[in-house]
Protein backbone atom coordinates (compact mmCIF):
# COMPACT_ATOMS: atom_id res chain seq x y z
CA UNK A 1 -48.88 -22.44 -149.04
CA UNK A 2 -48.92 -21.71 -145.45
CA UNK A 3 -50.70 -18.49 -144.70
CA UNK A 4 -49.01 -16.32 -142.16
CA UNK A 5 -51.27 -14.74 -139.65
CA UNK A 6 -50.43 -11.12 -139.16
CA UNK A 7 -49.00 -10.32 -135.72
CA UNK A 8 -51.24 -8.33 -133.56
CA UNK A 9 -49.23 -5.87 -131.35
CA UNK A 10 -49.65 -6.51 -127.63
CA UNK A 11 -51.69 -3.98 -125.78
CA UNK A 12 -49.45 -2.22 -123.29
CA UNK A 13 -50.76 -2.20 -119.71
CA UNK A 14 -50.61 1.15 -117.92
CA UNK A 15 -49.22 1.16 -114.30
CA UNK A 16 -51.82 1.21 -111.63
CA UNK A 17 -52.17 4.50 -109.86
CA UNK A 18 -52.62 4.42 -106.04
CA UNK A 19 -55.63 6.41 -105.38
CA UNK A 20 -55.14 9.33 -103.04
CA UNK A 21 -57.21 9.19 -99.91
CA UNK A 22 -59.42 12.13 -99.73
CA UNK A 23 -61.51 10.93 -96.87
CA UNK A 24 -61.59 12.75 -93.50
CA UNK A 25 -60.18 9.77 -91.65
CA UNK A 26 -57.01 9.98 -93.73
CA UNK A 27 -56.52 13.62 -92.74
CA UNK A 28 -56.85 12.78 -89.03
CA UNK A 29 -54.25 10.01 -89.43
CA UNK A 30 -51.84 12.51 -91.05
CA UNK A 31 -52.32 15.03 -88.25
CA UNK A 32 -51.82 12.31 -85.64
CA UNK A 33 -48.61 11.23 -87.24
CA UNK A 34 -47.32 14.82 -87.28
CA UNK A 35 -48.20 15.25 -83.62
CA UNK A 36 -46.53 12.00 -82.64
CA UNK A 37 -43.41 13.07 -84.55
CA UNK A 38 -43.33 16.43 -82.74
CA UNK A 39 -43.78 14.72 -79.37
CA UNK A 40 -40.91 12.37 -80.20
CA UNK A 41 -38.65 15.30 -81.10
CA UNK A 42 -39.58 17.24 -77.96
CA UNK A 43 -39.05 14.14 -75.80
CA UNK A 44 -35.65 13.52 -77.35
CA UNK A 45 -34.58 17.15 -76.72
CA UNK A 46 -35.81 17.01 -73.08
CA UNK A 47 -34.05 13.74 -72.42
CA UNK A 48 -30.83 15.14 -73.83
CA UNK A 49 -31.03 18.20 -71.54
CA UNK A 50 -31.59 16.04 -68.46
CA UNK A 51 -28.59 13.85 -69.29
CA UNK A 52 -26.43 16.92 -69.83
CA UNK A 53 -27.42 18.25 -66.39
CA UNK A 54 -26.37 15.01 -64.68
CA UNK A 55 -22.97 15.00 -66.21
CA UNK A 56 -20.11 15.90 -63.90
CA UNK A 57 -18.67 19.23 -64.95
CA UNK A 58 -15.14 19.12 -66.06
CA UNK A 59 -12.93 21.28 -63.81
CA UNK A 60 -10.06 22.71 -65.73
CA UNK A 61 -6.90 23.06 -63.74
CA UNK A 62 -6.11 26.60 -62.72
CA UNK A 63 -2.76 28.11 -62.26
CA UNK A 64 -1.73 28.65 -58.57
CA UNK A 65 -2.05 32.21 -57.41
CA UNK A 66 1.14 34.21 -57.39
CA UNK A 67 3.02 34.12 -54.08
CA UNK A 68 2.12 37.14 -51.94
CA UNK A 69 4.95 38.27 -49.75
CA UNK A 70 4.32 40.51 -46.77
CA UNK A 71 5.60 44.01 -47.09
CA UNK A 72 8.18 44.59 -44.42
CA UNK A 73 8.24 48.09 -43.12
CA UNK A 74 11.69 49.54 -43.01
CA UNK A 75 12.80 49.97 -39.40
CA UNK A 76 12.34 53.50 -38.17
CA UNK A 77 14.21 54.85 -35.19
CA UNK A 78 12.09 56.36 -32.43
CA UNK A 79 13.35 59.85 -31.70
CA UNK A 80 15.00 60.26 -28.31
CA UNK A 81 13.31 63.17 -26.65
CA UNK A 82 16.05 63.27 -24.02
CA UNK A 83 18.87 63.66 -26.57
CA UNK A 84 19.37 67.37 -25.92
CA UNK A 85 18.79 67.19 -22.15
CA UNK A 86 21.33 68.09 -19.55
CA UNK A 87 23.09 65.38 -17.53
CA UNK A 88 23.55 65.50 -13.81
CA UNK A 89 26.30 63.24 -12.50
CA UNK A 90 27.16 62.78 -8.81
CA UNK A 91 30.55 61.10 -8.34
CA UNK A 92 30.28 61.08 -4.54
CA UNK A 93 27.13 58.91 -4.46
CA UNK A 94 27.78 57.21 -7.81
CA UNK A 95 24.65 57.99 -9.86
CA UNK A 96 23.55 60.15 -12.79
CA UNK A 97 20.44 61.04 -14.74
CA UNK A 98 19.25 63.48 -17.45
CA UNK A 99 16.82 66.33 -17.08
CA UNK A 100 15.09 68.76 -19.50
CA UNK A 101 15.95 72.33 -20.23
CA UNK A 102 13.00 73.76 -18.35
CA UNK A 103 14.37 72.34 -15.04
CA UNK A 104 17.03 74.13 -13.10
CA UNK A 105 19.20 73.05 -10.16
CA UNK A 106 18.08 75.03 -7.15
CA UNK A 107 18.44 75.21 -3.41
CA UNK A 108 16.25 73.11 -1.16
CA UNK A 109 13.26 75.42 -1.86
CA UNK A 110 9.93 73.66 -2.05
CA UNK A 111 11.41 70.20 -2.53
CA UNK A 112 9.95 67.38 -0.46
CA UNK A 113 12.05 64.60 1.08
CA UNK A 114 11.46 61.88 3.67
CA UNK A 115 14.90 60.54 4.66
CA UNK A 116 15.74 63.29 7.12
CA UNK A 117 18.78 63.94 5.03
CA UNK A 118 19.74 67.08 3.13
CA UNK A 119 19.10 66.38 -0.60
CA UNK A 120 22.00 65.78 -2.89
CA UNK A 121 20.25 67.58 -5.73
CA UNK A 122 16.98 69.54 -6.15
CA UNK A 123 15.60 70.31 -9.61
CA UNK A 124 12.70 72.76 -10.11
CA UNK A 125 10.84 73.52 -13.30
CA UNK A 126 9.67 76.87 -14.62
CA UNK A 127 6.35 78.02 -13.26
CA UNK A 128 3.23 77.60 -15.39
CA UNK A 129 0.71 80.30 -14.62
CA UNK A 130 -2.87 80.49 -15.88
CA UNK A 131 -5.25 83.07 -14.50
CA UNK A 132 -4.86 82.93 -10.73
CA UNK A 133 -3.38 79.41 -10.74
CA UNK A 134 0.24 78.37 -10.70
CA UNK A 135 1.87 74.96 -11.05
CA UNK A 136 5.43 73.68 -11.18
CA UNK A 137 7.38 70.42 -10.81
CA UNK A 138 10.20 69.52 -8.42
CA UNK A 139 12.56 66.54 -8.29
CA UNK A 140 14.53 65.83 -5.08
CA UNK A 141 17.24 63.18 -4.81
CA UNK A 142 18.59 62.23 -1.34
CA UNK A 143 21.18 59.60 -0.36
CA UNK A 144 21.69 58.34 3.20
CA UNK A 145 24.15 55.70 4.43
CA UNK A 146 23.23 53.08 7.02
CA UNK A 147 19.56 53.82 6.48
CA UNK A 148 17.97 50.43 5.98
CA UNK A 149 15.18 51.04 8.54
CA UNK A 150 14.39 54.47 7.08
CA UNK A 151 14.45 53.10 3.55
CA UNK A 152 11.88 50.48 4.57
CA UNK A 153 9.72 52.96 6.45
CA UNK A 154 6.39 53.88 4.93
CA UNK A 155 4.41 56.84 6.40
CA UNK A 156 1.01 56.17 7.88
CA UNK A 157 -1.95 56.46 5.55
CA UNK A 158 -0.12 55.65 2.34
CA UNK A 159 -0.02 51.83 2.56
CA UNK A 160 -2.74 51.62 -0.15
CA UNK A 161 -0.36 53.34 -2.60
CA UNK A 162 2.59 51.05 -1.83
CA UNK A 163 4.00 49.26 -4.88
CA UNK A 164 7.17 48.22 -6.63
CA UNK A 165 8.41 49.70 -9.86
CA UNK A 166 11.43 48.69 -11.97
CA UNK A 167 13.15 51.70 -13.46
CA UNK A 168 16.09 51.14 -15.78
CA UNK A 169 16.66 47.74 -14.15
CA UNK A 170 16.37 49.06 -10.60
CA UNK A 171 13.60 47.75 -8.39
CA UNK A 172 12.26 50.72 -6.40
CA UNK A 173 9.71 50.70 -3.61
CA UNK A 174 7.15 53.39 -4.45
CA UNK A 175 4.41 55.13 -2.52
CA UNK A 176 2.42 58.37 -2.83
CA UNK A 177 1.72 61.13 -0.35
CA UNK A 178 0.06 64.56 -0.55
CA UNK A 179 -0.51 67.56 1.64
CA UNK A 180 -1.76 71.16 1.65
CA UNK A 181 -0.80 74.33 3.47
CA UNK A 182 -1.74 78.03 3.08
CA UNK A 183 -3.07 77.80 -0.44
CA UNK A 184 -0.39 75.36 -1.59
CA UNK A 185 -1.01 71.75 -2.56
CA UNK A 186 1.74 69.14 -2.85
CA UNK A 187 1.38 65.79 -4.59
CA UNK A 188 4.45 63.59 -3.97
CA UNK A 189 5.61 60.23 -5.30
CA UNK A 190 8.48 58.67 -3.33
CA UNK A 191 10.95 56.15 -4.75
CA UNK A 192 13.22 54.21 -2.39
CA UNK A 193 16.02 51.82 -3.28
CA UNK A 194 18.37 50.17 -0.79
CA UNK A 195 21.84 49.44 -2.21
CA UNK A 196 23.84 47.50 0.36
CA UNK A 197 23.03 49.69 3.44
CA UNK A 198 22.67 52.98 1.54
CA UNK A 199 19.21 54.31 0.76
CA UNK A 200 18.59 56.25 -2.44
CA UNK A 201 15.46 58.35 -2.42
CA UNK A 202 13.85 60.22 -5.31
CA UNK A 203 10.80 62.36 -4.78
CA UNK A 204 8.72 63.85 -7.62
CA UNK A 205 6.49 66.73 -6.52
CA UNK A 206 3.73 68.60 -8.33
CA UNK A 207 3.24 71.91 -6.51
CA UNK A 208 0.01 73.90 -7.11
CA UNK A 209 -1.02 77.25 -5.70
CA UNK A 210 -4.00 79.56 -6.30
CA UNK A 211 -4.87 83.12 -5.30
CA UNK A 212 -8.54 82.53 -6.03
CA UNK A 213 -11.21 80.12 -7.12
CA UNK A 214 -10.81 79.79 -10.88
CA UNK A 215 -12.37 76.46 -11.92
CA UNK A 216 -12.12 77.44 -15.61
CA UNK A 217 -8.33 77.14 -15.23
CA UNK A 218 -8.56 73.45 -14.19
CA UNK A 219 -8.29 71.99 -17.81
CA UNK A 220 -5.15 73.98 -18.46
CA UNK A 221 -3.62 73.06 -15.13
CA UNK A 222 -4.39 69.37 -15.65
CA UNK A 223 -2.87 69.47 -19.11
CA UNK A 224 0.33 71.03 -17.71
CA UNK A 225 0.33 68.49 -14.88
CA UNK A 226 0.28 65.65 -17.47
CA UNK A 227 3.31 67.23 -19.19
CA UNK A 228 5.23 67.40 -15.89
CA UNK A 229 4.41 63.76 -15.06
CA UNK A 230 5.62 62.66 -18.48
CA UNK A 231 8.88 64.52 -17.89
CA UNK A 232 9.27 62.88 -14.47
CA UNK A 233 8.91 59.45 -16.14
CA UNK A 234 11.52 60.39 -18.70
CA UNK A 235 13.97 61.68 -16.06
CA UNK A 236 13.54 58.54 -13.94
CA UNK A 237 14.08 56.34 -16.98
CA UNK A 238 17.61 57.80 -17.37
CA UNK A 239 18.62 57.22 -13.73
CA UNK A 240 21.55 54.80 -13.37
CA UNK A 241 24.38 53.96 -11.09
CA UNK A 242 27.89 54.74 -12.25
CA UNK A 243 29.53 51.46 -11.10
């Protein structure tokens, strides 16, 4: 008989266990790896930020601004201060003009003229009185035929005031002259226009008088003088020939 040898069970081998490093050098290596990892992360973040800065920003299209139209002011009519003025019309000499309510047609009076011809019309304003001072305005219009030489004549001493002024389309020769007598002062502006051989002369006069030396009245007098000069300008602006 063949004897059977009893089977001996194989001894199972246990897996090898990797020993854990407990030495100080292993700890330093671990710390170094952590630091390197952190530096890598920080470097990656920094690099990404720099790249993002260098990128060209994307400009989104914007809608065009709404059209702005200028606001047009509605036309306003300038009030005509001469609308309620009186009208003087001279059919004989063929001219007319308007004058304010505070002027009245008067005799020759204090009117000044330089054509050696009786005036066709003299207008004189109301007197303005302040303290011992008095002022008023006078307009004299004279017409003389065959008076070319007289129309061209300019008195001595006024050549520095000689000028031309277009009034309502009429080119007048203009000069100024003044004088004083017995407490009265006259400031004249003379307008000459030669139509064919007929000379038309308009003289505006500011007449001042005083019974005493009252310098405190000067501002009031000058204010009234400015009012009269404005009225003269408005009167002259309405002068026109009828033909």
